[in-house]
Structures are given as structure tokens and as C-alpha cells.
Amino acid sequence: MASFERKTPAATRSQFMLEVASELVSPRGYPYQQAMVQLRKQGPGPWAYTLFGSDTPEAIRQVARGEADIAAVNPSSPLTLAYRGTGPFKEPLPVRIITVIPSLDWLGFAVKQSTGITSVADIKAKRYPLKVSMRAQADHSVHMYVDEVLKAHGFSLADIVSWGGSVSNDEGMPFGDRRIGKVKDGEIDAVFDEALTNYIGPAIDLGMRFLPIDDSVLKDLAAMGFRTSILPKSKFPTLPADLPTLDFSGWPIFTRADVDDGFIYDYCRALDARKGTIEWQEPGPLPLDRMCKDQPDGPLDVPLHPGAARYWREAGYL
């Protein structure tokens, strides 16, 4: 187990760089906001561990290949698919969870009501030439989600294009001027994305409808490892009714099964020590008591790494 002594010159220099990097990535508009950190003993030799502040499913494969040892993904379900070897993952990958940062969200298929489309299945049934806005970030999990949902319904974005529609990859969140603003201007008539808490109100105000996913499709997707969910009218009163869709919750911090238990234990101890200094979506310190258990806003469908389970148990969180 590491001693966490931080007063040696080597530790001072490393902490100097880490703190500066932390400050650099903090401003919202700064373009370089992902960091990769490597750790090793002082002196020559290979780097022992790599920590990746990632957010995409590709990081799962990087961890599985040993290119990184700890990474993050948004949301939780891609990690479950990788663990099971389903969807885009052709074989099970040896991933394990360290903790899950809470983040409650859903996937949304919003279309203009004037299209007459009332469900995701209806798009195929009518072979409707939708003009769809997708997230510009090509490796974002939402692309995996949309591809798998449409595939389970028997069609694809390419089919929409073949029916005379279009797919534009637009910068920004779905509720931004470069996404939903295009609906207002008549450039597009559908936006497929997550971040529904901030998106539902503006979309409905523009005369859009959020499409339900068929029950049979939801069952198939759940069997793969996706979490299904109901977008509740009680939380979003402007919805005409509860909406069956996919969950898009949780930011898992994960590792490989073969990463040393002692190092993962130390990682958890360091996280515990710094839980009050890490900003997240709610005020206050990270709620570690929720972050090592299965929660609606932090799904935990992949086993905890043994080093993490030992620390959370000894620290009283499990």
C-alpha cells in the first residue's frame, strides 16, 4: 500500500504539474479538457499506471488493451455491454467498477409534431425522411445508443438518409442554438440526444414530441445490458404522459480485473481524501456512500474491483 507521503521533491514536482493541469481544465470554455496522467516510481523505467479522464466508450477498449488502467465513461450501460460482450462489443471485456459518479439522465428521440410520427417504430413504418441532428462528437455514447435502438427497430440513420432525409452532426448540447435552434429555423425536424433535464422544456415549447421506444425493443435492449427507464411526467409536467426509453445515467470510474488490488485500494483512499474538492453536478462533496452501490442515478451492473470493494467496505461505505 502506498504511503501517500507528498513532501519529497519528486512528489512536489508531480503535484505542481497535476494542480496546474487541474486549473487549466477547469474553465468551461477551455478547449483542452481531457487529461491523461501516468504514474511510476522515480527514475527510469516503464510507467506503472495510466489514469484517463475520458468520457467515451472507446476508453473501455483502451483499458481492456492495457493502454490505460483507470478511465471514465458516460453513461453506465456501455460498460455493462462491454462486460457482457454484447452490442458493439464482440466478446466480454475484463472491466471492473471502482465507483460511479451520480448523474440522472435519459435518452430522447424528439421530432416535430407536424411530422405525424408518434413512436420510434413509426419512423420506419412511414419511411419518413427526417432531418435529424446528432451530436458532433463522433465518439460520444449517444451515437452507440441511437444506433442500437434503431437497429433493434429494424432500421438505421443511413436508412433515414436513403428515404430522402438527412443527418447533421452539430456542435453543442441538444438544447443549444446550434441544435434545437435549427428546429426553430426549420433546418431540422428531429434531435436525438441525452441531457433531457434541460432539453424537454425547450423542445416541447417548439412543438416537438418525445417518441416512446416499443416495449418489445426495450426488452431486447435490456437483455443486452442497457437499462430501460420511464421518463416520468411527474418530473416533467409538460410531457403528455410517462415515456418509456433508455436510461442514460451514471459516470462509472472503471479499471481492469487484473489491475493490482493495492493500487485500486489506494486510488479509492485518495478519492475519499479529496471528495470535497471535486466539483460534480450537485453542491457539496461527492456522496461516496451512494457511489459504490447500485443507484438510479449511478447504475452499478458491473462488479466492483476487489481493491475498491475492500476499501469501500473498510471505510464504512459498504
Foldseek 3Di string as FASTA:
>chain_A
DDPPDQPDPVSVVVVVVVVVLVVQLPDPPRPDNKDKDFDDPPDDDDTDAIETADAFLVVQVCQLVVVHFKYKYFADQSLQLQQCQDQPRNHHGQKAFLWWFFDWKFKWKKFAVVQVDAALLSCVVVLALFAEEEALPPRHCLQSVQQLLNVLSPDGPVSSVVSVHYYDHWYDDCQDCRHVVCVVVVNGGIYTGMPVVNPVVVRVVSRMATHARDPVSQVVVVVSRWAKDWQQCVSVVSHPGIGTGTIRAIMTIMGGLPDDLVVSLVVLVVCVVCQQVDDDDDDGGGPRLPTQDADNRHHRPGHHRVSSVVNCVVVPSD
